[in-house]
PDB file of all heavy atoms in Angstrom:
ATOM      1  N   GLU A   1       0.814  -1.242  -0.066  1.00  0.00           N
ATOM      2  CA  GLU A   1       0.010   0.001  -0.083  1.00  0.00           C
ATOM      3  C   GLU A   1       0.940   1.315  -0.004  1.00  0.00           C
ATOM      4  O   GLU A   1       0.337   2.376   0.052  1.00  0.00           O
ATOM      5  CB  GLU A   1      -0.980   0.026   1.211  1.00  0.00           C
ATOM      6  CG  GLU A   1      -2.007  -1.083   1.089  1.00  0.00           C
ATOM      7  CD  GLU A   1      -2.829  -1.176   2.322  1.00  0.00           C
ATOM      8  OE1 GLU A   1      -2.428  -0.815   3.458  1.00  0.00           O
ATOM      9  OE2 GLU A   1      -3.937  -1.822   2.282  1.00  0.00           O
ATOM     10  N   GLY A   2       2.127   1.134  -0.010  1.00  0.00           N
ATOM     11  CA  GLY A   2       3.044   2.302  -0.032  1.00  0.00           C
ATOM     12  C   GLY A   2       3.255   2.890   1.361  1.00  0.00           C
ATOM     13  O   GLY A   2       3.805   4.001   1.408  1.00  0.00           O
ATOM     14  N   ASP A   3       2.860   2.281   2.411  1.00  0.00           N
ATOM     15  CA  ASP A   3       2.996   2.856   3.747  1.00  0.00           C
ATOM     16  C   ASP A   3       4.229   2.210   4.384  1.00  0.00           C
ATOM     17  O   ASP A   3       4.201   1.302   5.166  1.00  0.00           O
ATOM     18  CB  ASP A   3       1.739   2.466   4.566  1.00  0.00           C
ATOM     19  CG  ASP A   3       1.700   3.240   5.908  1.00  0.00           C
ATOM     20  OD1 ASP A   3       2.692   3.827   6.298  1.00  0.00           O
ATOM     21  OD2 ASP A   3       0.593   3.241   6.588  1.00  0.00           O
ATOM     22  N   GLN A   4       5.396   2.918   4.087  1.00  0.00           N
ATOM     23  CA  GLN A   4       6.652   2.435   4.601  1.00  0.00           C
ATOM     24  C   GLN A   4       6.771   2.545   6.150  1.00  0.00           C
ATOM     25  O   GLN A   4       7.331   1.633   6.786  1.00  0.00           O
ATOM     26  CB  GLN A   4       7.808   3.246   4.015  1.00  0.00           C
ATOM     27  CG  GLN A   4       8.052   2.924   2.532  1.00  0.00           C
ATOM     28  CD  GLN A   4       9.228   3.451   2.039  1.00  0.00           C
ATOM     29  OE1 GLN A   4       9.971   4.249   2.633  1.00  0.00           O
ATOM     30  NE2 GLN A   4       9.557   3.171   0.713  1.00  0.00           N
ATOM     31  N   ALA A   5       6.220   3.527   6.739  1.00  0.00           N
ATOM     32  CA  ALA A   5       6.157   3.785   8.139  1.00  0.00           C
ATOM     33  C   ALA A   5       5.499   2.610   8.852  1.00  0.00           C
ATOM     34  O   ALA A   5       6.050   2.080   9.820  1.00  0.00           O
ATOM     35  CB  ALA A   5       5.642   5.019   8.535  1.00  0.00           C
ATOM     36  N   ALA A   6       4.332   2.134   8.437  1.00  0.00           N
ATOM     37  CA  ALA A   6       3.670   1.120   9.057  1.00  0.00           C
ATOM     38  C   ALA A   6       4.342  -0.175   8.886  1.00  0.00           C
ATOM     39  O   ALA A   6       4.456  -1.010   9.688  1.00  0.00           O
ATOM     40  CB  ALA A   6       2.165   1.047   8.551  1.00  0.00           C
ATOM     41  N   ALA A   7       4.808  -0.320   7.633  1.00  0.00           N
ATOM     42  CA  ALA A   7       5.625  -1.606   7.313  1.00  0.00           C
ATOM     43  C   ALA A   7       6.818  -1.758   8.264  1.00  0.00           C
ATOM     44  O   ALA A   7       6.999  -2.693   8.798  1.00  0.00           O
ATOM     45  CB  ALA A   7       6.102  -1.593   5.866  1.00  0.00           C
ATOM     46  N   GLU A   8       7.506  -0.652   8.450  1.00  0.00           N
ATOM     47  CA  GLU A   8       8.621  -0.673   9.369  1.00  0.00           C
ATOM     48  C   GLU A   8       8.228  -1.009  10.774  1.00  0.00           C
ATOM     49  O   GLU A   8       9.009  -1.809  11.370  1.00  0.00           O
ATOM     50  CB  GLU A   8       9.338   0.697   9.347  1.00  0.00           C
ATOM     51  CG  GLU A   8      10.536   0.911  10.004  1.00  0.00           C
ATOM     52  CD  GLU A   8      11.369   2.097   9.897  1.00  0.00           C
ATOM     53  OE1 GLU A   8      11.150   2.728   8.800  1.00  0.00           O
ATOM     54  OE2 GLU A   8      11.945   2.470  10.791  1.00  0.00           O
ATOM     55  N   GLN A   9       7.121  -0.512  11.235  1.00  0.00           N
ATOM     56  CA  GLN A   9       6.708  -0.864  12.600  1.00  0.00           C
ATOM     57  C   GLN A   9       6.291  -2.335  12.735  1.00  0.00           C
ATOM     58  O   GLN A   9       6.740  -2.852  13.691  1.00  0.00           O
ATOM     59  CB  GLN A   9       5.381   0.006  12.948  1.00  0.00           C
ATOM     60  CG  GLN A   9       5.675   1.499  13.229  1.00  0.00           C
ATOM     61  CD  GLN A   9       4.493   2.224  13.533  1.00  0.00           C
ATOM     62  OE1 GLN A   9       3.326   1.982  13.139  1.00  0.00           O
ATOM     63  NE2 GLN A   9       4.659   3.226  14.335  1.00  0.00           N
ATOM     64  N   TYR A  10       5.659  -2.903  11.663  1.00  0.00           N
ATOM     65  CA  TYR A  10       5.373  -4.288  11.813  1.00  0.00           C
ATOM     66  C   TYR A  10       6.624  -5.131  11.722  1.00  0.00           C
ATOM     67  O   TYR A  10       6.722  -6.038  12.564  1.00  0.00           O
ATOM     68  CB  TYR A  10       4.538  -4.726  10.598  1.00  0.00           C
ATOM     69  CG  TYR A  10       3.041  -4.227  10.763  1.00  0.00           C
ATOM     70  CD1 TYR A  10       2.494  -3.355   9.794  1.00  0.00           C
ATOM     71  CD2 TYR A  10       2.224  -4.784  11.742  1.00  0.00           C
ATOM     72  CE1 TYR A  10       1.157  -3.019   9.934  1.00  0.00           C
ATOM     73  CE2 TYR A  10       0.876  -4.291  11.904  1.00  0.00           C
ATOM     74  CZ  TYR A  10       0.283  -3.459  10.930  1.00  0.00           C
ATOM     75  OH  TYR A  10      -0.916  -3.037  11.129  1.00  0.00           O
ATOM     76  N   PHE A  11       7.521  -4.784  10.847  1.00  0.00           N
ATOM     77  CA  PHE A  11       8.827  -5.627  10.786  1.00  0.00           C
ATOM     78  C   PHE A  11       9.586  -5.474  12.040  1.00  0.00           C
ATOM     79  O   PHE A  11      10.188  -6.428  12.545  1.00  0.00           O
ATOM     80  CB  PHE A  11       9.575  -5.125   9.474  1.00  0.00           C
ATOM     81  CG  PHE A  11       8.964  -5.511   8.310  1.00  0.00           C
ATOM     82  CD1 PHE A  11       9.097  -4.559   7.123  1.00  0.00           C
ATOM     83  CD2 PHE A  11       8.179  -6.627   7.942  1.00  0.00           C
ATOM     84  CE1 PHE A  11       8.495  -4.822   5.916  1.00  0.00           C
ATOM     85  CE2 PHE A  11       7.585  -6.804   6.840  1.00  0.00           C
ATOM     86  CZ  PHE A  11       7.706  -5.863   5.706  1.00  0.00           C
ATOM     87  N   GLN A  12       9.713  -4.268  12.558  1.00  0.00           N
ATOM     88  CA  GLN A  12      10.552  -3.961  13.873  1.00  0.00           C
ATOM     89  C   GLN A  12       9.775  -4.805  14.964  1.00  0.00           C
ATOM     90  O   GLN A  12      10.559  -5.377  15.792  1.00  0.00           O
ATOM     91  CB  GLN A  12      10.486  -2.503  14.251  1.00  0.00           C
ATOM     92  CG  GLN A  12      11.157  -1.708  13.243  1.00  0.00           C
ATOM     93  CD  GLN A  12      12.575  -1.488  13.549  1.00  0.00           C
ATOM     94  OE1 GLN A  12      13.164  -2.185  14.509  1.00  0.00           O
ATOM     95  NE2 GLN A  12      13.338  -0.642  12.889  1.00  0.00           N
ATOM     96  N   HIS A  13       8.536  -4.791  15.086  1.00  0.00           N
ATOM     97  CA  HIS A  13       7.845  -5.535  16.061  1.00  0.00           C
ATOM     98  C   HIS A  13       8.063  -7.011  15.946  1.00  0.00           C
ATOM     99  O   HIS A  13       8.386  -7.752  16.970  1.00  0.00           O
ATOM    100  CB  HIS A  13       6.316  -5.228  16.165  1.00  0.00           C
ATOM    101  CG  HIS A  13       5.659  -5.678  17.413  1.00  0.00           C
ATOM    102  ND1 HIS A  13       4.700  -6.671  17.318  1.00  0.00           N
ATOM    103  CD2 HIS A  13       5.851  -5.459  18.710  1.00  0.00           C
ATOM    104  CE1 HIS A  13       4.331  -7.007  18.536  1.00  0.00           C
ATOM    105  NE2 HIS A  13       5.006  -6.167  19.431  1.00  0.00           N
ATOM    106  N   ALA A  14       8.051  -7.567  14.756  1.00  0.00           N
ATOM    107  CA  ALA A  14       8.285  -9.037  14.514  1.00  0.00           C
ATOM    108  C   ALA A  14       9.741  -9.345  15.016  1.00  0.00           C
ATOM    109  O   ALA A  14       9.904 -10.390  15.628  1.00  0.00           O
ATOM    110  CB  ALA A  14       8.106  -9.285  13.066  1.00  0.00           C
ATOM    111  N   LEU A  15      10.693  -8.430  14.613  1.00  0.00           N
ATOM    112  CA  LEU A  15      12.128  -8.674  15.086  1.00  0.00           C
ATOM    113  C   LEU A  15      12.246  -8.586  16.625  1.00  0.00           C
ATOM    114  O   LEU A  15      13.020  -9.247  17.188  1.00  0.00           O
ATOM    115  CB  LEU A  15      13.002  -7.697  14.397  1.00  0.00           C
ATOM    116  CG  LEU A  15      13.200  -8.041  12.877  1.00  0.00           C
ATOM    117  CD1 LEU A  15      14.130  -6.940  12.246  1.00  0.00           C
ATOM    118  CD2 LEU A  15      13.810  -9.370  12.676  1.00  0.00           C
ATOM    119  N   ALA A  16      11.480  -7.744  17.246  1.00  0.00           N
ATOM    120  CA  ALA A  16      11.533  -7.633  18.672  1.00  0.00           C
ATOM    121  C   ALA A  16      11.019  -8.879  19.309  1.00  0.00           C
ATOM    122  O   ALA A  16      11.584  -9.404  20.296  1.00  0.00           O
ATOM    123  CB  ALA A  16      10.694  -6.426  19.103  1.00  0.00           C
ATOM    124  N   LEU A  17      10.049  -9.471  18.717  1.00  0.00           N
ATOM    125  CA  LEU A  17       9.471 -10.792  19.193  1.00  0.00           C
ATOM    126  C   LEU A  17      10.385 -11.961  18.828  1.00  0.00           C
ATOM    127  O   LEU A  17      10.531 -12.867  19.625  1.00  0.00           O
ATOM    128  CB  LEU A  17       8.104 -11.062  18.670  1.00  0.00           C
ATOM    129  CG  LEU A  17       6.981 -10.090  18.997  1.00  0.00           C
ATOM    130  CD1 LEU A  17       5.775 -10.312  18.107  1.00  0.00           C
ATOM    131  CD2 LEU A  17       6.620 -10.353  20.503  1.00  0.00           C
ATOM    132  N   ALA A  18      11.048 -11.914  17.721  1.00  0.00           N
ATOM    133  CA  ALA A  18      11.851 -13.103  17.210  1.00  0.00           C
ATOM    134  C   ALA A  18      12.978 -12.606  16.355  1.00  0.00           C
ATOM    135  O   ALA A  18      12.911 -12.506  15.248  1.00  0.00           O
ATOM    136  CB  ALA A  18      10.893 -14.014  16.457  1.00  0.00           C
ATOM    137  N   PRO A  19      14.053 -12.256  17.045  1.00  0.00           N
ATOM    138  CA  PRO A  19      15.248 -11.649  16.367  1.00  0.00           C
ATOM    139  C   PRO A  19      15.832 -12.579  15.288  1.00  0.00           C
ATOM    140  O   PRO A  19      16.476 -12.025  14.367  1.00  0.00           O
ATOM    141  CB  PRO A  19      16.246 -11.349  17.427  1.00  0.00           C
ATOM    142  CG  PRO A  19      15.480 -11.326  18.756  1.00  0.00           C
ATOM    143  CD  PRO A  19      14.257 -12.229  18.578  1.00  0.00           C
ATOM    144  N   ASP A  20      15.615 -13.847  15.438  1.00  0.00           N
ATOM    145  CA  ASP A  20      16.136 -14.778  14.441  1.00  0.00           C
ATOM    146  C   ASP A  20      15.246 -14.986  13.329  1.00  0.00           C
ATOM    147  O   ASP A  20      15.541 -15.717  12.345  1.00  0.00           O
ATOM    148  CB  ASP A  20      16.462 -16.136  15.108  1.00  0.00           C
ATOM    149  CG  ASP A  20      17.595 -16.065  15.972  1.00  0.00           C
ATOM    150  OD1 ASP A  20      18.474 -15.135  15.915  1.00  0.00           O
ATOM    151  OD2 ASP A  20      17.777 -16.933  16.920  1.00  0.00           O
ATOM    152  N   PHE A  21      14.074 -14.350  13.220  1.00  0.00           N
ATOM    153  CA  PHE A  21      13.099 -14.586  12.177  1.00  0.00           C
ATOM    154  C   PHE A  21      13.614 -13.946  10.861  1.00  0.00           C
ATOM    155  O   PHE A  21      13.728 -12.657  10.878  1.00  0.00           O
ATOM    156  CB  PHE A  21      11.762 -14.116  12.545  1.00  0.00           C
ATOM    157  CG  PHE A  21      10.622 -14.565  11.718  1.00  0.00           C
ATOM    158  CD1 PHE A  21      10.682 -15.750  10.881  1.00  0.00           C
ATOM    159  CD2 PHE A  21       9.514 -13.676  11.551  1.00  0.00           C
ATOM    160  CE1 PHE A  21       9.690 -15.986  10.044  1.00  0.00           C
ATOM    161  CE2 PHE A  21       8.453 -14.065  10.763  1.00  0.00           C
ATOM    162  CZ  PHE A  21       8.582 -15.230   9.942  1.00  0.00           C
ATOM    163  N   VAL A  22      13.957 -14.702   9.916  1.00  0.00           N
ATOM    164  CA  VAL A  22      14.708 -14.189   8.665  1.00  0.00           C
ATOM    165  C   VAL A  22      13.790 -13.250   7.913  1.00  0.00           C
ATOM    166  O   VAL A  22      14.265 -12.204   7.441  1.00  0.00           O
ATOM    167  CB  VAL A  22      15.110 -15.370   7.850  1.00  0.00           C
ATOM    168  CG1 VAL A  22      15.726 -14.822   6.495  1.00  0.00           C
ATOM    169  CG2 VAL A  22      16.051 -16.269   8.578  1.00  0.00           C
ATOM    170  N   LEU A  23      12.575 -13.615   7.621  1.00  0.00           N
ATOM    171  CA  LEU A  23      11.673 -12.796   6.693  1.00  0.00           C
ATOM    172  C   LEU A  23      11.509 -11.407   6.987  1.00  0.00           C
ATOM    173  O   LEU A  23      11.683 -10.477   6.189  1.00  0.00           O
ATOM    174  CB  LEU A  23      10.377 -13.595   6.411  1.00  0.00           C
ATOM    175  CG  LEU A  23      10.618 -14.968   5.758  1.00  0.00           C
ATOM    176  CD1 LEU A  23       9.219 -15.604   5.575  1.00  0.00           C
ATOM    177  CD2 LEU A  23      11.383 -14.863   4.436  1.00  0.00           C
ATOM    178  N   PRO A  24      11.155 -11.057   8.299  1.00  0.00           N
ATOM    179  CA  PRO A  24      10.982  -9.618   8.588  1.00  0.00           C
ATOM    180  C   PRO A  24      12.359  -8.901   8.528  1.00  0.00           C
ATOM    181  O   PRO A  24      12.473  -7.640   8.236  1.00  0.00           O
ATOM    182  CB  PRO A  24      10.320  -9.550   9.992  1.00  0.00           C
ATOM    183  CG  PRO A  24      10.522 -10.888  10.573  1.00  0.00           C
ATOM    184  CD  PRO A  24      10.691 -11.899   9.434  1.00  0.00           C
ATOM    185  N   ARG A  25      13.422  -9.594   8.924  1.00  0.00           N
ATOM    186  CA  ARG A  25      14.760  -9.037   8.801  1.00  0.00           C
ATOM    187  C   ARG A  25      15.158  -8.675   7.398  1.00  0.00           C
ATOM    188  O   ARG A  25      15.596  -7.568   7.201  1.00  0.00           O
ATOM    189  CB  ARG A  25      15.784 -10.048   9.383  1.00  0.00           C
ATOM    190  CG  ARG A  25      17.145  -9.429   9.512  1.00  0.00           C
ATOM    191  CD  ARG A  25      18.090 -10.427  10.279  1.00  0.00           C
ATOM    192  NE  ARG A  25      17.721 -10.427  11.745  1.00  0.00           N
ATOM    193  CZ  ARG A  25      18.115  -9.422  12.528  1.00  0.00           C
ATOM    194  NH1 ARG A  25      18.798  -8.424  12.255  1.00  0.00           N
ATOM    195  NH2 ARG A  25      17.734  -9.514  13.852  1.00  0.00           N
ATOM    196  N   THR A  26      14.920  -9.586   6.483  1.00  0.00           N
ATOM    197  CA  THR A  26      15.270  -9.315   5.077  1.00  0.00           C
ATOM    198  C   THR A  26      14.276  -8.286   4.488  1.00  0.00           C
ATOM    199  O   THR A  26      14.741  -7.384   3.626  1.00  0.00           O
ATOM    200  CB  THR A  26      15.255 -10.589   4.244  1.00  0.00           C
ATOM    201  OG1 THR A  26      14.078 -11.231   4.343  1.00  0.00           O
ATOM    202  CG2 THR A  26      16.404 -11.473   4.695  1.00  0.00           C
ATOM    203  N   ALA A  27      13.011  -8.285   4.883  1.00  0.00           N
ATOM    204  CA  ALA A  27      12.066  -7.327   4.389  1.00  0.00           C
ATOM    205  C   ALA A  27      12.420  -5.901   4.869  1.00  0.00           C
ATOM    206  O   ALA A  27      12.400  -4.920   4.113  1.00  0.00           O
ATOM    207  CB  ALA A  27      10.598  -7.630   4.777  1.00  0.00           C
ATOM    208  N   LEU A  28      12.792  -5.804   6.076  1.00  0.00           N
ATOM    209  CA  LEU A  28      13.232  -4.510   6.611  1.00  0.00           C
ATOM    210  C   LEU A  28      14.501  -3.996   5.965  1.00  0.00           C
ATOM    211  O   LEU A  28      14.690  -2.840   5.626  1.00  0.00           O
ATOM    212  CB  LEU A  28      13.466  -4.563   8.126  1.00  0.00           C
ATOM    213  CG  LEU A  28      13.647  -3.209   8.887  1.00  0.00           C
ATOM    214  CD1 LEU A  28      12.650  -2.173   8.608  1.00  0.00           C
ATOM    215  CD2 LEU A  28      13.748  -3.471  10.411  1.00  0.00           C
ATOM    216  N   ALA A  29      15.457  -4.961   5.753  1.00  0.00           N
ATOM    217  CA  ALA A  29      16.734  -4.575   5.059  1.00  0.00           C
ATOM    218  C   ALA A  29      16.410  -4.172   3.646  1.00  0.00           C
ATOM    219  O   ALA A  29      16.983  -3.116   3.180  1.00  0.00           O
ATOM    220  CB  ALA A  29      17.654  -5.775   5.017  1.00  0.00           C
ATOM    221  N   SER A  30      15.415  -4.784   2.904  1.00  0.00           N
ATOM    222  CA  SER A  30      15.060  -4.412   1.600  1.00  0.00           C
ATOM    223  C   SER A  30      14.520  -2.971   1.632  1.00  0.00           C
ATOM    224  O   SER A  30      14.861  -2.151   0.754  1.00  0.00           O
ATOM    225  CB  SER A  30      14.089  -5.465   1.105  1.00  0.00           C
ATOM    226  OG  SER A  30      13.661  -5.007  -0.251  1.00  0.00           O
ATOM    227  N   LEU A  31      13.755  -2.714   2.619  1.00  0.00           N
ATOM    228  CA  LEU A  31      13.105  -1.367   2.858  1.00  0.00           C
ATOM    229  C   LEU A  31      14.188  -0.368   2.958  1.00  0.00           C
ATOM    230  O   LEU A  31      14.204   0.770   2.362  1.00  0.00           O
ATOM    231  CB  LEU A  31      12.108  -1.368   3.963  1.00  0.00           C
ATOM    232  CG  LEU A  31      11.411  -0.032   4.289  1.00  0.00           C
ATOM    233  CD1 LEU A  31      10.693   0.541   3.153  1.00  0.00           C
ATOM    234  CD2 LEU A  31      10.575  -0.190   5.535  1.00  0.00           C
ATOM    235  N   ARG A  32      15.238  -0.672   3.888  1.00  0.00           N
ATOM    236  CA  ARG A  32      16.369   0.221   4.093  1.00  0.00           C
ATOM    237  C   ARG A  32      17.178   0.462   2.704  1.00  0.00           C
ATOM    238  O   ARG A  32      17.531   1.590   2.462  1.00  0.00           O
ATOM    239  CB  ARG A  32      17.256  -0.360   5.153  1.00  0.00           C
ATOM    240  CG  ARG A  32      16.690  -0.365   6.502  1.00  0.00           C
ATOM    241  CD  ARG A  32      16.611   0.951   7.073  1.00  0.00           C
ATOM    242  NE  ARG A  32      16.127   0.843   8.440  1.00  0.00           N
ATOM    243  CZ  ARG A  32      14.904   1.131   8.777  1.00  0.00           C
ATOM    244  NH1 ARG A  32      13.998   1.491   7.914  1.00  0.00           N
ATOM    245  NH2 ARG A  32      14.546   1.038  10.100  1.00  0.00           N
TER     246      ARG A  32
END
């Protein structure tokens, strides 16, 4: 939907819950 701020919050929260979870880590890296 083009909402980078919301996407970042979701990915950050996922990483806070599970730092080893690859997919939100790579998705956030891609966003960066």
